[in-house]
Amino acid sequence: MSEQQSYANHRRFDPLMHFIVLPVLLISWFTSVWHVIKYPSLHAAWAMVLCLILLLLALVTRGSALKVQDRLIRLEETLRMQRLLSGDLQGRIAELTPKQFVGLRFAADAELADRVREALDQKLDGEAIKKRIQTWRPDNFRV
């Protein structure tokens, strides 16, 4: 990434998946549905089912990668928090939700304790946590 990562630009799009694979599969499925309506046949219905399966496969594959990424973030952040947080906050790490872990990964070490305390005490979601971060810790290895 050439510019400094921040809340405004931290979202990542995978051009191949977001702008080619998913749109083509979605268009293919809509076209196959139209074809079944216009020219009903067993072949057309089967093509529609296959298009739907391919679209669902792409979505499940993307979702699985994101779930693994969230698990890794939870592990990495737990290890970082065990190293950086004081005893009272260390005992509360297990109270953090997956979305809170995802938001906290962007907080610099110096402000991590404050963001964790806010997240736990105010029950902030990941987006609210990210908006409060003063010093952004970039994550350029996202899926």
Protein backbone atom coordinates (compact mmCIF):
# COMPACT_ATOMS: atom_id res chain seq x y z
CA MET A 1 0.00 0.00 0.00
CA SER A 2 1.49 3.32 -0.99
CA GLU A 3 -0.48 5.59 1.34
CA GLN A 4 -0.67 5.31 5.13
CA GLN A 5 -3.48 2.97 6.16
CA SER A 6 -6.29 4.54 8.19
CA TYR A 7 -9.95 3.96 9.03
CA ALA A 8 -10.92 5.70 5.79
CA ASN A 9 -8.92 3.37 3.55
CA HIS A 10 -8.46 0.13 5.51
CA ARG A 11 -11.08 -1.93 3.69
CA ARG A 12 -9.62 -4.31 1.17
CA PHE A 13 -11.18 -5.50 -2.05
CA ASP A 14 -9.88 -8.53 -3.87
CA PRO A 15 -10.32 -7.34 -7.47
CA LEU A 16 -10.47 -10.83 -8.93
CA MET A 17 -13.14 -12.01 -6.48
CA HIS A 18 -15.15 -8.79 -6.03
CA PHE A 19 -15.06 -7.37 -9.56
CA ILE A 20 -14.75 -10.42 -11.82
CA VAL A 21 -15.65 -13.80 -10.28
CA LEU A 22 -18.72 -12.81 -8.22
CA PRO A 23 -20.26 -10.50 -10.86
CA VAL A 24 -19.79 -13.07 -13.63
CA LEU A 25 -21.29 -15.84 -11.49
CA LEU A 26 -24.19 -13.62 -10.46
CA ILE A 27 -24.91 -12.59 -14.05
CA SER A 28 -24.66 -16.24 -15.11
CA TRP A 29 -27.19 -17.28 -12.49
CA PHE A 30 -29.66 -14.51 -13.43
CA THR A 31 -29.24 -15.38 -17.10
CA SER A 32 -29.86 -19.06 -16.39
CA VAL A 33 -33.02 -18.22 -14.41
CA TRP A 34 -34.22 -16.10 -17.34
CA HIS A 35 -33.43 -18.97 -19.70
CA VAL A 36 -35.46 -21.43 -17.59
CA ILE A 37 -38.44 -19.04 -17.66
CA LYS A 38 -38.15 -18.26 -21.38
CA TYR A 39 -37.21 -21.77 -22.62
CA PRO A 40 -38.16 -24.29 -19.94
CA SER A 41 -36.33 -27.59 -20.16
CA LEU A 42 -34.52 -30.03 -17.95
CA HIS A 43 -31.22 -28.88 -19.42
CA ALA A 44 -31.96 -25.22 -18.70
CA ALA A 45 -33.03 -26.07 -15.14
CA TRP A 46 -29.87 -28.07 -14.58
CA ALA A 47 -27.72 -25.21 -15.91
CA MET A 48 -29.51 -22.88 -13.48
CA VAL A 49 -28.78 -25.22 -10.57
CA LEU A 50 -25.11 -25.45 -11.58
CA CYS A 51 -24.83 -21.65 -11.82
CA LEU A 52 -26.34 -21.31 -8.36
CA ILE A 53 -23.96 -23.95 -6.96
CA LEU A 54 -20.94 -22.17 -8.46
CA LEU A 55 -22.09 -18.84 -7.00
CA LEU A 56 -22.62 -20.42 -3.57
CA LEU A 57 -19.24 -22.16 -3.79
CA ALA A 58 -17.51 -18.83 -4.42
CA LEU A 59 -19.32 -17.24 -1.46
CA VAL A 60 -18.57 -20.14 0.88
CA THR A 61 -14.91 -20.13 -0.18
CA ARG A 62 -14.62 -16.41 0.54
CA GLY A 63 -16.46 -16.82 3.85
CA SER A 64 -14.19 -19.67 4.92
CA ALA A 65 -11.07 -17.61 4.22
CA LEU A 66 -12.49 -14.72 6.27
CA LYS A 67 -13.37 -17.06 9.15
CA VAL A 68 -9.82 -18.43 9.23
CA GLN A 69 -8.50 -14.87 9.12
CA ASP A 70 -10.69 -13.92 12.09
CA ARG A 71 -9.41 -16.92 14.06
CA LEU A 72 -5.82 -15.91 13.36
CA ILE A 73 -6.55 -12.32 14.36
CA ARG A 74 -8.02 -13.57 17.64
CA LEU A 75 -4.90 -15.66 18.31
CA GLU A 76 -2.45 -12.90 17.35
CA GLU A 77 -4.29 -10.27 19.35
CA THR A 78 -4.62 -12.52 22.39
CA LEU A 79 -0.86 -13.06 22.37
CA ARG A 80 -0.23 -9.33 21.91
CA MET A 81 -2.67 -8.45 24.69
CA GLN A 82 -1.09 -10.96 27.08
CA ARG A 83 2.22 -9.22 26.45
CA LEU A 84 0.99 -5.60 26.66
CA LEU A 85 -2.00 -5.42 29.00
CA SER A 86 -1.98 -5.12 32.77
CA GLY A 87 -3.25 -7.97 34.92
CA ASP A 88 -6.81 -6.67 35.33
CA LEU A 89 -7.33 -6.39 31.57
CA GLN A 90 -5.52 -9.65 30.81
CA GLY A 91 -8.14 -11.45 32.86
CA ARG A 92 -10.88 -9.98 30.66
CA ILE A 93 -9.44 -10.88 27.24
CA ALA A 94 -11.86 -13.82 26.97
CA GLU A 95 -14.79 -11.35 27.19
CA LEU A 96 -13.90 -9.76 23.84
CA THR A 97 -16.04 -10.69 20.86
CA PRO A 98 -14.58 -11.69 17.49
CA LYS A 99 -15.61 -8.31 16.02
CA GLN A 100 -13.88 -6.50 18.89
CA PHE A 101 -10.67 -8.46 18.24
CA VAL A 102 -10.88 -7.48 14.57
CA GLY A 103 -11.26 -3.81 15.47
CA LEU A 104 -8.53 -3.85 18.10
CA ARG A 105 -5.91 -5.27 15.73
CA PHE A 106 -5.50 -1.79 14.23
CA ALA A 107 -4.72 -0.09 17.57
CA ALA A 108 -1.06 0.74 18.18
CA ASP A 109 0.56 -0.88 21.21
CA ALA A 110 0.60 2.39 23.17
CA GLU A 111 -3.18 2.80 23.05
CA LEU A 112 -4.25 -0.85 23.09
CA ALA A 113 -5.10 -0.89 26.80
CA ASP A 114 -7.38 2.16 26.48
CA ARG A 115 -9.19 0.69 23.46
CA VAL A 116 -9.62 -2.70 25.16
CA ARG A 117 -11.03 -1.06 28.30
CA GLU A 118 -13.46 1.02 26.20
CA ALA A 119 -14.48 -2.00 24.14
CA LEU A 120 -15.24 -4.06 27.23
CA ASP A 121 -16.84 -1.37 29.40
CA GLN A 122 -18.91 0.25 26.66
CA LYS A 123 -19.56 -2.95 24.66
CA LEU A 124 -18.27 -1.33 21.47
CA ASP A 125 -18.43 -3.15 18.16
CA GLY A 126 -15.48 -3.42 15.79
CA GLU A 127 -16.38 -0.34 13.77
CA ALA A 128 -16.74 1.87 16.84
CA ILE A 129 -13.37 0.67 18.09
CA LYS A 130 -11.69 1.43 14.76
CA LYS A 131 -13.14 4.94 14.73
CA ARG A 132 -11.58 5.67 18.16
CA ILE A 133 -8.07 4.60 17.24
CA GLN A 134 -5.62 7.50 17.40
CA THR A 135 -2.49 5.79 16.03
CA TRP A 136 -3.36 3.32 13.30
CA ARG A 137 -1.43 0.04 13.16
CA PRO A 138 -1.71 -1.10 9.54
CA ASP A 139 -2.64 -4.65 8.58
CA ASN A 140 -1.61 -5.27 4.98
CA PHE A 141 -1.88 -9.07 5.08
CA ARG A 142 -5.65 -9.37 4.99
CA VAL A 143 -7.64 -11.78 2.84
